[in-house]
């Protein structure tokens, strides 16, 4: 399974043909750095933001703490690599089942963000990430070998325990925005060197 503080991203396989994306530009008020256009990363990852209402009516989001591998110790949305023959939605649903034992129908997933993550010091970590929202699901979140899941209030996201890019896009997506974003990490592989976040109106963030 994969990703959620980048969630739980796994070390990427080198088997996807590169795909070009349109150049991203920051919003006029963001003050963020415009990324240099480059070839899209070969690795494709899907993340699933799982939401519920608590007994007192508050909205809560499920995140998993990575127990091993890439991003160990960080909190992130549940997810992982898109395998050959899968759509991003199918990959997200499969990873949710494998990592936290919940059932999600791929057709019920709403695409909410398209992210490009770049690590110049570790280009094999670069990846394209499709983020989905699951409001309808079944089962009881269960810890797996890779992920320990926990619920968090939507108004108090644990951003300090996530990958640095999460603070730029996750609160906005949880609040209802749809985004296309690109992030470039510094040599320390922990802090951001550049960020671009663009709101999307109508259609899926990946352009469909």
N, C-alpha and C. Protein backbone atom coordinates (compact mmCIF):
# COMPACT_ATOMS: atom_id res chain seq x y z
N UNK A 1 0.80 -1.16 0.00
CA UNK A 1 0.00 0.00 0.00
C UNK A 1 0.85 1.23 0.00
N UNK A 2 0.22 2.36 -0.22
CA UNK A 2 1.01 3.56 -0.32
C UNK A 2 1.01 4.58 0.79
N UNK A 3 0.40 5.80 0.40
CA UNK A 3 0.50 7.17 0.84
C UNK A 3 -0.37 7.90 1.82
N UNK A 4 -0.39 9.08 2.92
CA UNK A 4 -1.08 10.24 3.43
C UNK A 4 -0.27 11.08 4.26
N UNK A 5 0.54 11.59 4.58
CA UNK A 5 1.29 12.72 4.85
C UNK A 5 2.11 12.87 3.76
N UNK A 6 2.46 12.49 2.77
CA UNK A 6 2.18 12.21 1.41
C UNK A 6 1.43 10.99 1.64
N UNK A 7 0.91 10.84 2.35
CA UNK A 7 0.24 9.80 2.94
C UNK A 7 1.21 8.72 2.93
N UNK A 8 1.00 7.51 2.40
CA UNK A 8 2.05 6.57 2.59
C UNK A 8 2.65 6.27 1.25
N UNK A 9 3.51 7.05 0.71
CA UNK A 9 4.03 6.74 -0.61
C UNK A 9 5.06 5.64 -0.52
N UNK A 10 5.00 4.71 -1.42
CA UNK A 10 5.97 3.64 -1.47
C UNK A 10 7.05 3.99 -2.47
N UNK A 11 8.17 3.28 -2.41
CA UNK A 11 9.23 3.52 -3.37
C UNK A 11 8.72 3.17 -4.76
N UNK A 12 8.80 4.11 -5.71
CA UNK A 12 8.14 3.94 -7.00
C UNK A 12 8.76 2.92 -7.94
N UNK A 13 7.92 2.14 -8.62
CA UNK A 13 8.44 1.23 -9.63
C UNK A 13 8.72 1.98 -10.91
N UNK A 14 9.63 1.51 -11.72
CA UNK A 14 9.99 2.18 -12.97
C UNK A 14 9.34 1.44 -14.14
N UNK A 15 8.02 1.54 -14.26
CA UNK A 15 7.38 0.79 -15.33
C UNK A 15 6.32 1.58 -16.07
N UNK A 16 6.06 2.83 -15.67
CA UNK A 16 5.04 3.62 -16.33
C UNK A 16 5.65 4.51 -17.41
N UNK A 17 5.03 4.57 -18.56
CA UNK A 17 5.50 5.48 -19.59
C UNK A 17 5.21 6.91 -19.15
N UNK A 18 6.13 7.84 -19.39
CA UNK A 18 5.92 9.22 -18.96
C UNK A 18 4.72 9.84 -19.66
N UNK A 19 4.02 10.71 -18.95
CA UNK A 19 2.86 11.38 -19.51
C UNK A 19 3.00 12.87 -19.25
N UNK A 20 2.73 13.69 -20.25
CA UNK A 20 2.94 15.13 -20.10
C UNK A 20 1.70 15.77 -19.51
N UNK A 21 1.92 16.77 -18.63
CA UNK A 21 0.84 17.54 -18.05
C UNK A 21 0.97 18.99 -18.50
N UNK A 22 -0.16 19.69 -18.44
CA UNK A 22 -0.12 21.12 -18.73
C UNK A 22 0.69 21.83 -17.65
N UNK A 23 1.32 22.93 -18.04
CA UNK A 23 2.10 23.71 -17.09
C UNK A 23 1.20 24.30 -16.03
N UNK A 24 1.62 24.25 -14.78
CA UNK A 24 0.85 24.78 -13.68
C UNK A 24 1.28 26.20 -13.37
N UNK A 25 0.33 27.02 -12.92
CA UNK A 25 0.64 28.38 -12.50
C UNK A 25 0.00 28.63 -11.15
N UNK A 26 0.69 29.36 -10.24
CA UNK A 26 0.11 29.65 -8.93
C UNK A 26 -1.01 30.65 -9.05
N UNK A 27 -1.93 30.68 -8.07
CA UNK A 27 -2.96 31.69 -8.04
C UNK A 27 -2.32 33.04 -7.82
N UNK A 28 -2.98 34.10 -8.26
CA UNK A 28 -2.38 35.43 -8.22
C UNK A 28 -2.01 35.86 -6.82
N UNK A 29 -2.77 35.41 -5.82
CA UNK A 29 -2.53 35.86 -4.45
C UNK A 29 -1.67 34.90 -3.65
N UNK A 30 -1.24 33.80 -4.26
CA UNK A 30 -0.58 32.77 -3.47
C UNK A 30 0.83 33.12 -3.10
N UNK A 31 1.55 33.87 -3.97
CA UNK A 31 2.95 34.16 -3.69
C UNK A 31 3.83 32.95 -3.78
N UNK A 32 3.33 31.87 -4.39
CA UNK A 32 4.10 30.64 -4.47
C UNK A 32 4.97 30.65 -5.72
N UNK A 33 5.94 29.79 -5.74
CA UNK A 33 6.91 29.74 -6.83
C UNK A 33 6.38 28.92 -8.00
N UNK A 34 6.54 29.45 -9.21
CA UNK A 34 6.12 28.73 -10.41
C UNK A 34 7.15 27.64 -10.71
N UNK A 35 6.71 26.38 -10.86
CA UNK A 35 7.66 25.32 -11.15
C UNK A 35 8.16 25.37 -12.59
N UNK A 36 9.36 24.91 -12.82
CA UNK A 36 9.87 24.79 -14.17
C UNK A 36 9.21 23.60 -14.83
N UNK A 37 8.59 23.77 -16.03
CA UNK A 37 7.91 22.64 -16.67
C UNK A 37 8.87 21.52 -17.00
N UNK A 38 8.53 20.31 -16.62
CA UNK A 38 9.37 19.15 -16.87
C UNK A 38 8.48 17.98 -17.24
N UNK A 39 9.11 16.91 -17.68
CA UNK A 39 8.36 15.70 -18.00
C UNK A 39 7.67 15.17 -16.75
N UNK A 40 6.45 14.68 -16.92
CA UNK A 40 5.70 14.17 -15.78
C UNK A 40 6.38 12.93 -15.20
N UNK A 41 6.33 12.77 -13.88
CA UNK A 41 6.89 11.56 -13.26
C UNK A 41 6.24 10.29 -13.80
N UNK A 42 7.01 9.21 -13.85
CA UNK A 42 6.49 7.95 -14.36
C UNK A 42 5.59 7.24 -13.35
N UNK A 43 5.88 7.39 -12.07
CA UNK A 43 5.12 6.68 -11.04
C UNK A 43 3.79 7.36 -10.78
N UNK A 44 2.72 6.57 -10.78
CA UNK A 44 1.37 7.07 -10.51
C UNK A 44 0.88 6.48 -9.19
N UNK A 45 0.33 7.35 -8.36
CA UNK A 45 -0.14 6.96 -7.04
C UNK A 45 -1.56 7.48 -6.83
N UNK A 46 -2.36 6.74 -6.08
CA UNK A 46 -3.70 7.20 -5.72
C UNK A 46 -3.80 7.29 -4.20
N UNK A 47 -4.46 8.35 -3.73
CA UNK A 47 -4.75 8.53 -2.31
C UNK A 47 -6.26 8.64 -2.12
N UNK A 48 -6.73 8.19 -0.96
CA UNK A 48 -8.17 8.25 -0.67
C UNK A 48 -8.39 8.92 0.67
N UNK A 49 -9.07 10.06 0.64
CA UNK A 49 -9.49 10.76 1.86
C UNK A 49 -10.84 10.19 2.28
N UNK A 50 -10.87 9.52 3.41
CA UNK A 50 -12.07 8.85 3.90
C UNK A 50 -12.71 9.73 4.97
N UNK A 51 -13.99 10.06 4.78
CA UNK A 51 -14.67 10.99 5.68
C UNK A 51 -15.85 10.30 6.37
N UNK A 52 -16.20 10.81 7.56
CA UNK A 52 -17.37 10.33 8.28
C UNK A 52 -17.88 11.45 9.18
N UNK A 53 -19.06 11.24 9.76
CA UNK A 53 -19.61 12.12 10.80
C UNK A 53 -19.53 11.40 12.13
N UNK A 54 -18.97 12.07 13.13
CA UNK A 54 -18.87 11.48 14.46
C UNK A 54 -20.24 11.51 15.14
N UNK A 55 -20.33 10.93 16.33
CA UNK A 55 -21.60 10.88 17.04
C UNK A 55 -22.13 12.27 17.37
N UNK A 56 -21.23 13.23 17.55
CA UNK A 56 -21.67 14.59 17.85
C UNK A 56 -21.83 15.43 16.58
N UNK A 57 -21.76 14.78 15.41
CA UNK A 57 -22.03 15.47 14.16
C UNK A 57 -20.83 16.13 13.51
N UNK A 58 -19.67 16.03 14.11
CA UNK A 58 -18.48 16.64 13.52
C UNK A 58 -17.96 15.80 12.36
N UNK A 59 -17.43 16.47 11.37
CA UNK A 59 -16.81 15.75 10.26
C UNK A 59 -15.41 15.31 10.66
N UNK A 60 -15.09 14.06 10.35
CA UNK A 60 -13.77 13.51 10.67
C UNK A 60 -13.16 12.87 9.43
N UNK A 61 -11.81 12.86 9.40
CA UNK A 61 -11.07 12.29 8.28
C UNK A 61 -10.16 11.18 8.80
N UNK A 62 -10.04 10.11 8.01
CA UNK A 62 -9.20 8.98 8.40
C UNK A 62 -7.82 9.11 7.75
N UNK A 63 -6.78 9.05 8.60
CA UNK A 63 -5.41 9.03 8.12
C UNK A 63 -4.69 7.84 8.74
N UNK A 64 -3.64 7.41 8.07
CA UNK A 64 -2.88 6.27 8.58
C UNK A 64 -1.45 6.65 8.88
N UNK A 65 -0.93 6.13 9.99
CA UNK A 65 0.49 6.33 10.30
C UNK A 65 1.29 5.20 9.67
N UNK A 66 2.25 5.58 8.85
CA UNK A 66 3.06 4.60 8.13
C UNK A 66 3.99 3.88 9.10
N UNK A 67 3.90 2.57 9.12
CA UNK A 67 4.68 1.77 10.08
C UNK A 67 6.01 1.29 9.51
N UNK A 68 6.13 1.31 8.19
CA UNK A 68 7.38 0.86 7.57
C UNK A 68 7.51 1.45 6.18
N UNK A 69 8.73 1.36 5.63
CA UNK A 69 8.96 1.80 4.27
C UNK A 69 8.99 3.30 4.10
N UNK A 70 8.69 3.74 2.90
CA UNK A 70 8.74 5.14 2.52
C UNK A 70 7.78 5.97 3.36
N UNK A 71 8.28 7.01 4.02
CA UNK A 71 7.44 7.85 4.87
C UNK A 71 7.14 7.27 6.23
N UNK A 72 7.93 6.31 6.69
CA UNK A 72 7.70 5.68 8.00
C UNK A 72 7.57 6.73 9.10
N UNK A 73 6.54 6.58 9.93
CA UNK A 73 6.30 7.49 11.04
C UNK A 73 5.37 8.64 10.71
N UNK A 74 5.15 8.93 9.45
CA UNK A 74 4.30 10.04 9.06
C UNK A 74 2.84 9.61 8.94
N UNK A 75 1.94 10.58 9.12
CA UNK A 75 0.53 10.37 8.85
C UNK A 75 0.25 10.76 7.40
N UNK A 76 -0.66 10.03 6.78
CA UNK A 76 -1.02 10.33 5.40
C UNK A 76 -2.37 9.72 5.08
N UNK A 77 -2.93 10.17 3.95
CA UNK A 77 -4.13 9.53 3.44
C UNK A 77 -3.79 8.12 3.00
N UNK A 78 -4.76 7.25 3.05
CA UNK A 78 -4.55 5.87 2.63
C UNK A 78 -4.41 5.82 1.11
N UNK A 79 -3.47 5.01 0.63
CA UNK A 79 -3.31 4.89 -0.81
C UNK A 79 -2.05 4.15 -1.20
N UNK A 80 -1.75 4.16 -2.50
CA UNK A 80 -0.58 3.46 -2.99
C UNK A 80 -0.47 3.55 -4.50
N UNK A 81 0.43 2.75 -5.06
CA UNK A 81 0.70 2.81 -6.49
C UNK A 81 -0.47 2.30 -7.33
N UNK A 82 -0.63 2.92 -8.49
CA UNK A 82 -1.58 2.43 -9.49
C UNK A 82 -0.89 1.29 -10.24
N UNK A 83 -1.46 0.10 -10.18
CA UNK A 83 -0.87 -1.05 -10.83
C UNK A 83 -1.28 -1.12 -12.30
N UNK A 84 -0.53 -1.91 -13.07
CA UNK A 84 -0.86 -2.08 -14.47
C UNK A 84 -2.28 -2.60 -14.64
N UNK A 85 -3.04 -1.98 -15.52
CA UNK A 85 -4.41 -2.40 -15.77
C UNK A 85 -5.44 -1.75 -14.87
N UNK A 86 -5.02 -0.97 -13.88
CA UNK A 86 -5.94 -0.30 -12.96
C UNK A 86 -6.17 1.15 -13.37
N UNK A 87 -7.36 1.65 -13.05
CA UNK A 87 -7.58 3.09 -13.08
C UNK A 87 -7.15 3.64 -11.72
N UNK A 88 -6.88 4.95 -11.62
CA UNK A 88 -6.55 5.52 -10.31
C UNK A 88 -7.61 5.25 -9.25
N UNK A 89 -8.89 5.30 -9.63
CA UNK A 89 -9.96 5.03 -8.67
C UNK A 89 -9.94 3.58 -8.20
N UNK A 90 -9.70 2.66 -9.11
CA UNK A 90 -9.60 1.25 -8.73
C UNK A 90 -8.42 1.02 -7.78
N UNK A 91 -7.31 1.69 -8.06
CA UNK A 91 -6.14 1.56 -7.18
C UNK A 91 -6.44 2.09 -5.79
N UNK A 92 -7.12 3.23 -5.72
CA UNK A 92 -7.46 3.80 -4.41
C UNK A 92 -8.35 2.85 -3.62
N UNK A 93 -9.37 2.29 -4.27
CA UNK A 93 -10.27 1.37 -3.59
C UNK A 93 -9.54 0.11 -3.13
N UNK A 94 -8.68 -0.41 -3.97
CA UNK A 94 -7.91 -1.61 -3.58
C UNK A 94 -7.01 -1.33 -2.38
N UNK A 95 -6.30 -0.21 -2.40
CA UNK A 95 -5.40 0.13 -1.31
C UNK A 95 -6.15 0.33 0.00
N UNK A 96 -7.32 0.95 -0.06
CA UNK A 96 -8.14 1.13 1.15
C UNK A 96 -8.48 -0.23 1.76
N UNK A 97 -8.83 -1.18 0.92
CA UNK A 97 -9.14 -2.52 1.42
C UNK A 97 -7.93 -3.20 2.00
N UNK A 98 -6.78 -3.10 1.32
CA UNK A 98 -5.57 -3.77 1.79
C UNK A 98 -5.00 -3.15 3.05
N UNK A 99 -5.06 -1.82 3.14
CA UNK A 99 -4.36 -1.14 4.23
C UNK A 99 -5.20 -0.94 5.48
N UNK A 100 -6.51 -0.70 5.34
CA UNK A 100 -7.34 -0.45 6.52
C UNK A 100 -8.63 -1.25 6.54
N UNK A 101 -8.77 -2.23 5.63
CA UNK A 101 -9.89 -3.19 5.63
C UNK A 101 -11.26 -2.53 5.46
N UNK A 102 -11.34 -1.43 4.70
CA UNK A 102 -12.62 -0.82 4.38
C UNK A 102 -12.97 -1.13 2.93
N UNK A 103 -14.27 -1.21 2.65
CA UNK A 103 -14.72 -1.40 1.27
C UNK A 103 -15.18 -0.07 0.72
N UNK A 104 -14.62 0.30 -0.43
CA UNK A 104 -15.01 1.51 -1.14
C UNK A 104 -15.28 1.13 -2.59
N UNK A 105 -16.42 1.55 -3.12
CA UNK A 105 -16.75 1.33 -4.52
C UNK A 105 -16.01 2.37 -5.36
N UNK A 106 -15.16 1.96 -6.30
CA UNK A 106 -14.44 2.95 -7.12
C UNK A 106 -15.35 3.97 -7.79
N UNK A 107 -16.56 3.54 -8.16
CA UNK A 107 -17.48 4.46 -8.84
C UNK A 107 -18.03 5.53 -7.91
N UNK A 108 -17.89 5.32 -6.59
CA UNK A 108 -18.39 6.29 -5.62
C UNK A 108 -17.32 7.30 -5.20
N UNK A 109 -16.10 7.12 -5.70
CA UNK A 109 -15.01 8.04 -5.33
C UNK A 109 -15.10 9.32 -6.14
N UNK A 110 -14.87 10.43 -5.47
CA UNK A 110 -14.84 11.74 -6.12
C UNK A 110 -13.40 12.22 -6.23
N UNK A 111 -12.95 12.50 -7.44
CA UNK A 111 -11.60 13.01 -7.62
C UNK A 111 -11.54 14.47 -7.19
N UNK A 112 -10.60 14.79 -6.28
CA UNK A 112 -10.57 16.14 -5.71
C UNK A 112 -9.25 16.87 -5.93
N UNK A 113 -8.18 16.17 -6.31
CA UNK A 113 -6.90 16.85 -6.53
C UNK A 113 -6.00 16.00 -7.41
N UNK A 114 -5.17 16.69 -8.18
CA UNK A 114 -4.12 16.04 -8.97
C UNK A 114 -2.81 16.70 -8.57
N UNK A 115 -1.91 15.92 -7.99
CA UNK A 115 -0.65 16.45 -7.46
C UNK A 115 0.53 15.88 -8.23
N UNK A 116 1.55 16.71 -8.41
CA UNK A 116 2.83 16.24 -8.92
C UNK A 116 3.87 16.50 -7.84
N UNK A 117 4.57 15.47 -7.41
CA UNK A 117 5.57 15.56 -6.35
C UNK A 117 6.94 15.27 -6.94
N UNK A 118 7.89 16.16 -6.67
CA UNK A 118 9.24 16.01 -7.22
C UNK A 118 10.28 16.08 -6.11
N UNK A 119 11.27 15.19 -6.22
CA UNK A 119 12.40 15.14 -5.30
C UNK A 119 13.69 15.19 -6.14
N UNK A 120 14.22 16.39 -6.41
CA UNK A 120 15.40 16.49 -7.27
C UNK A 120 16.59 15.66 -6.79
N UNK A 121 16.72 15.51 -5.47
CA UNK A 121 17.83 14.71 -4.95
C UNK A 121 17.55 13.21 -5.00
N UNK A 122 16.28 12.83 -5.19
CA UNK A 122 15.89 11.42 -5.29
C UNK A 122 14.82 11.29 -6.38
N UNK A 123 15.19 11.47 -7.65
CA UNK A 123 14.17 11.49 -8.71
C UNK A 123 13.34 10.21 -8.80
N UNK A 124 13.85 9.11 -8.27
CA UNK A 124 13.06 7.87 -8.29
C UNK A 124 11.85 7.97 -7.37
N UNK A 125 11.80 8.99 -6.50
CA UNK A 125 10.65 9.22 -5.65
C UNK A 125 9.56 10.06 -6.32
N UNK A 126 9.87 10.70 -7.45
CA UNK A 126 8.89 11.56 -8.12
C UNK A 126 7.62 10.77 -8.43
N UNK A 127 6.48 11.43 -8.31
CA UNK A 127 5.23 10.73 -8.62
C UNK A 127 4.09 11.68 -8.93
N UNK A 128 3.15 11.18 -9.72
CA UNK A 128 1.88 11.84 -9.97
C UNK A 128 0.85 11.21 -9.04
N UNK A 129 0.10 12.05 -8.34
CA UNK A 129 -0.83 11.56 -7.33
C UNK A 129 -2.25 12.04 -7.65
N UNK A 130 -3.17 11.10 -7.72
CA UNK A 130 -4.59 11.44 -7.85
C UNK A 130 -5.24 11.24 -6.49
N UNK A 131 -5.90 12.29 -5.99
CA UNK A 131 -6.52 12.25 -4.67
C UNK A 131 -8.03 12.14 -4.82
N UNK A 132 -8.61 11.18 -4.11
CA UNK A 132 -10.05 10.96 -4.13
C UNK A 132 -10.64 11.20 -2.74
N UNK A 133 -11.94 11.51 -2.73
CA UNK A 133 -12.71 11.63 -1.49
C UNK A 133 -13.74 10.52 -1.44
N UNK A 134 -13.81 9.81 -0.30
CA UNK A 134 -14.81 8.76 -0.08
C UNK A 134 -15.73 9.17 1.06
N UNK A 135 -16.95 9.51 0.72
CA UNK A 135 -17.96 9.82 1.73
C UNK A 135 -18.81 8.59 2.06
N UNK A 136 -18.80 7.62 1.14
CA UNK A 136 -19.58 6.39 1.32
C UNK A 136 -18.63 5.21 1.32
N UNK A 137 -18.66 4.41 2.37
CA UNK A 137 -17.78 3.25 2.51
C UNK A 137 -18.38 2.34 3.57
N UNK A 138 -17.83 1.16 3.73
CA UNK A 138 -18.32 0.23 4.75
C UNK A 138 -17.16 -0.50 5.40
N UNK A 139 -17.41 -1.00 6.61
CA UNK A 139 -16.39 -1.72 7.34
C UNK A 139 -15.89 -0.94 8.56
N UNK A 140 -14.94 -1.54 9.25
CA UNK A 140 -14.33 -0.94 10.44
C UNK A 140 -12.84 -0.76 10.17
N UNK A 141 -12.32 0.48 10.26
CA UNK A 141 -10.89 0.68 10.01
C UNK A 141 -10.05 -0.22 10.90
N UNK A 142 -9.17 -0.97 10.28
CA UNK A 142 -8.37 -1.97 10.99
C UNK A 142 -6.90 -1.79 10.66
N UNK A 143 -6.05 -1.88 11.68
CA UNK A 143 -4.61 -1.73 11.48
C UNK A 143 -4.06 -2.89 10.66
N UNK A 144 -3.13 -2.57 9.78
CA UNK A 144 -2.47 -3.58 8.96
C UNK A 144 -0.98 -3.57 9.23
N UNK A 145 -0.26 -4.40 8.51
CA UNK A 145 1.19 -4.45 8.68
C UNK A 145 1.85 -3.11 8.35
N UNK A 146 1.24 -2.36 7.45
CA UNK A 146 1.85 -1.12 6.98
C UNK A 146 1.27 0.14 7.60
N UNK A 147 -0.02 0.12 7.97
CA UNK A 147 -0.73 1.34 8.34
C UNK A 147 -1.48 1.16 9.67
N UNK A 148 -1.39 2.19 10.54
CA UNK A 148 -2.20 2.26 11.76
C UNK A 148 -3.17 3.43 11.60
N UNK A 149 -4.47 3.18 11.33
CA UNK A 149 -5.42 4.26 11.04
C UNK A 149 -5.97 4.94 12.28
N UNK A 150 -6.28 6.23 12.14
CA UNK A 150 -6.90 7.01 13.21
C UNK A 150 -7.78 8.09 12.59
N UNK A 151 -8.85 8.46 13.32
CA UNK A 151 -9.74 9.54 12.89
C UNK A 151 -9.27 10.87 13.47
N UNK A 152 -9.41 11.94 12.68
CA UNK A 152 -9.03 13.28 13.11
C UNK A 152 -10.12 14.26 12.72
N UNK A 153 -10.38 15.29 13.56
CA UNK A 153 -11.38 16.30 13.20
C UNK A 153 -10.98 17.03 11.92
N UNK A 154 -11.95 17.24 11.05
CA UNK A 154 -11.65 17.91 9.78
C UNK A 154 -11.17 19.33 9.99
N UNK A 155 -11.56 19.94 11.11
CA UNK A 155 -11.14 21.32 11.37
C UNK A 155 -9.80 21.39 12.11
N UNK A 156 -9.22 20.24 12.43
CA UNK A 156 -7.94 20.21 13.14
C UNK A 156 -7.06 19.10 12.57
N UNK A 157 -6.67 19.25 11.32
CA UNK A 157 -5.89 18.23 10.64
C UNK A 157 -4.47 18.16 11.20
N UNK A 158 -3.90 16.97 11.32
CA UNK A 158 -2.56 16.80 11.92
C UNK A 158 -1.44 17.11 10.93
N UNK A 159 -1.44 18.31 10.38
CA UNK A 159 -0.52 18.66 9.30
C UNK A 159 0.95 18.58 9.71
N UNK A 160 1.23 18.85 11.00
CA UNK A 160 2.62 18.82 11.45
C UNK A 160 3.21 17.41 11.45
N UNK A 161 2.36 16.41 11.33
CA UNK A 161 2.83 15.03 11.30
C UNK A 161 2.82 14.43 9.89
N UNK A 162 2.56 15.29 8.90
CA UNK A 162 2.44 14.84 7.51
C UNK A 162 3.61 15.37 6.68
N UNK A 163 3.68 14.92 5.44
CA UNK A 163 4.64 15.49 4.50
C UNK A 163 4.35 16.97 4.34
N UNK A 164 5.39 17.74 4.03
CA UNK A 164 5.29 19.20 4.02
C UNK A 164 4.30 19.71 2.99
N UNK A 165 4.07 18.97 1.90
CA UNK A 165 3.15 19.46 0.88
C UNK A 165 1.70 19.48 1.36
N UNK A 166 1.37 18.64 2.35
CA UNK A 166 -0.04 18.50 2.77
C UNK A 166 -0.64 19.82 3.24
N UNK A 167 0.15 20.66 3.89
CA UNK A 167 -0.40 21.91 4.43
C UNK A 167 -0.88 22.85 3.32
N UNK A 168 -0.36 22.68 2.10
CA UNK A 168 -0.74 23.55 1.00
C UNK A 168 -2.04 23.13 0.33
N UNK A 169 -2.35 21.84 0.34
CA UNK A 169 -3.53 21.39 -0.41
C UNK A 169 -4.58 20.70 0.43
N UNK A 170 -4.20 19.98 1.48
CA UNK A 170 -5.17 19.17 2.21
C UNK A 170 -6.29 19.98 2.87
N UNK A 171 -5.99 21.06 3.62
CA UNK A 171 -7.10 21.82 4.22
C UNK A 171 -8.05 22.38 3.17
N UNK A 172 -7.53 22.77 2.04
CA UNK A 172 -8.38 23.35 1.00
C UNK A 172 -9.28 22.28 0.37
N UNK A 173 -8.75 21.09 0.16
CA UNK A 173 -9.56 20.01 -0.40
C UNK A 173 -10.64 19.57 0.60
N UNK A 174 -10.26 19.44 1.86
CA UNK A 174 -11.24 19.06 2.89
C UNK A 174 -12.35 20.10 3.00
N UNK A 175 -12.01 21.38 2.73
CA UNK A 175 -12.99 22.46 2.78
C UNK A 175 -13.86 22.53 1.53
N UNK A 176 -13.56 21.68 0.52
CA UNK A 176 -14.42 21.61 -0.65
C UNK A 176 -13.82 22.08 -1.96
N UNK A 177 -12.57 22.59 -1.94
CA UNK A 177 -11.94 23.01 -3.19
C UNK A 177 -11.46 21.80 -4.00
N UNK A 178 -11.28 22.02 -5.29
CA UNK A 178 -10.70 21.02 -6.18
C UNK A 178 -9.45 21.65 -6.77
N UNK A 179 -8.32 20.94 -6.74
CA UNK A 179 -7.03 21.56 -7.01
C UNK A 179 -6.16 20.76 -7.96
N UNK A 180 -5.28 21.46 -8.67
CA UNK A 180 -4.13 20.88 -9.35
C UNK A 180 -2.91 21.53 -8.71
N UNK A 181 -1.92 20.73 -8.31
CA UNK A 181 -0.78 21.29 -7.59
C UNK A 181 0.51 20.59 -7.97
N UNK A 182 1.62 21.30 -7.82
CA UNK A 182 2.94 20.72 -8.04
C UNK A 182 3.86 21.16 -6.91
N UNK A 183 4.62 20.22 -6.37
CA UNK A 183 5.51 20.49 -5.24
C UNK A 183 6.89 19.94 -5.54
N UNK A 184 7.90 20.72 -5.22
CA UNK A 184 9.29 20.28 -5.37
C UNK A 184 9.96 20.35 -3.99
N UNK A 185 10.54 19.23 -3.58
CA UNK A 185 11.17 19.15 -2.27
C UNK A 185 12.64 19.56 -2.33
N UNK A 186 13.13 20.09 -1.21
CA UNK A 186 14.53 20.48 -1.08
C UNK A 186 15.40 19.24 -0.90
N UNK A 187 16.71 19.46 -0.84
CA UNK A 187 17.64 18.34 -0.72
C UNK A 187 17.47 17.55 0.56
N UNK A 188 16.89 18.19 1.60
CA UNK A 188 16.67 17.45 2.85
C UNK A 188 15.53 16.46 2.75
N UNK A 189 14.77 16.51 1.63
CA UNK A 189 13.66 15.58 1.34
C UNK A 189 12.54 15.68 2.37
N UNK A 190 12.51 16.80 3.10
CA UNK A 190 11.47 17.01 4.12
C UNK A 190 10.73 18.33 3.93
N UNK A 191 11.44 19.36 3.47
CA UNK A 191 10.83 20.68 3.30
C UNK A 191 10.69 21.02 1.82
N UNK A 192 9.72 21.91 1.53
CA UNK A 192 9.45 22.26 0.14
C UNK A 192 10.37 23.36 -0.36
N UNK A 193 10.78 23.20 -1.60
CA UNK A 193 11.57 24.21 -2.30
C UNK A 193 10.67 25.10 -3.15
N UNK A 194 9.62 24.52 -3.71
CA UNK A 194 8.70 25.26 -4.57
C UNK A 194 7.32 24.62 -4.49
N UNK A 195 6.28 25.47 -4.67
CA UNK A 195 4.91 24.98 -4.62
C UNK A 195 4.02 25.79 -5.54
N UNK A 196 3.12 25.12 -6.22
CA UNK A 196 2.12 25.77 -7.06
C UNK A 196 0.79 25.07 -6.85
N UNK A 197 -0.25 25.84 -6.50
CA UNK A 197 -1.57 25.26 -6.25
C UNK A 197 -2.59 26.06 -7.05
N UNK A 198 -3.34 25.37 -7.90
CA UNK A 198 -4.29 26.02 -8.80
C UNK A 198 -5.69 25.45 -8.57
N UNK A 199 -6.67 26.29 -8.20
CA UNK A 199 -8.04 25.79 -8.05
C UNK A 199 -8.62 25.37 -9.40
N UNK A 200 -9.49 24.37 -9.38
CA UNK A 200 -10.14 23.86 -10.58
C UNK A 200 -11.65 24.05 -10.41
N UNK A 201 -12.29 24.54 -11.45
CA UNK A 201 -13.75 24.69 -11.41
C UNK A 201 -14.35 23.85 -12.52
N UNK A 202 -15.12 22.84 -12.13
CA UNK A 202 -15.78 21.98 -13.10
C UNK A 202 -14.86 20.90 -13.62
N UNK A 203 -15.37 19.67 -13.73
CA UNK A 203 -14.57 18.55 -14.22
C UNK A 203 -13.61 18.03 -13.16
N UNK A 204 -12.86 16.99 -13.52
CA UNK A 204 -11.89 16.42 -12.61
C UNK A 204 -10.61 17.22 -12.67
N UNK A 205 -9.84 17.26 -11.57
CA UNK A 205 -8.58 18.01 -11.57
C UNK A 205 -7.58 17.54 -12.61
N UNK A 206 -7.69 16.27 -13.07
CA UNK A 206 -6.73 15.80 -14.06
C UNK A 206 -7.13 16.19 -15.49
N UNK A 207 -8.23 16.97 -15.57
CA UNK A 207 -8.60 17.50 -16.87
C UNK A 207 -9.72 16.79 -17.58
N UNK A 208 -10.26 15.72 -16.98
CA UNK A 208 -11.36 15.00 -17.65
C UNK A 208 -12.68 15.71 -17.42
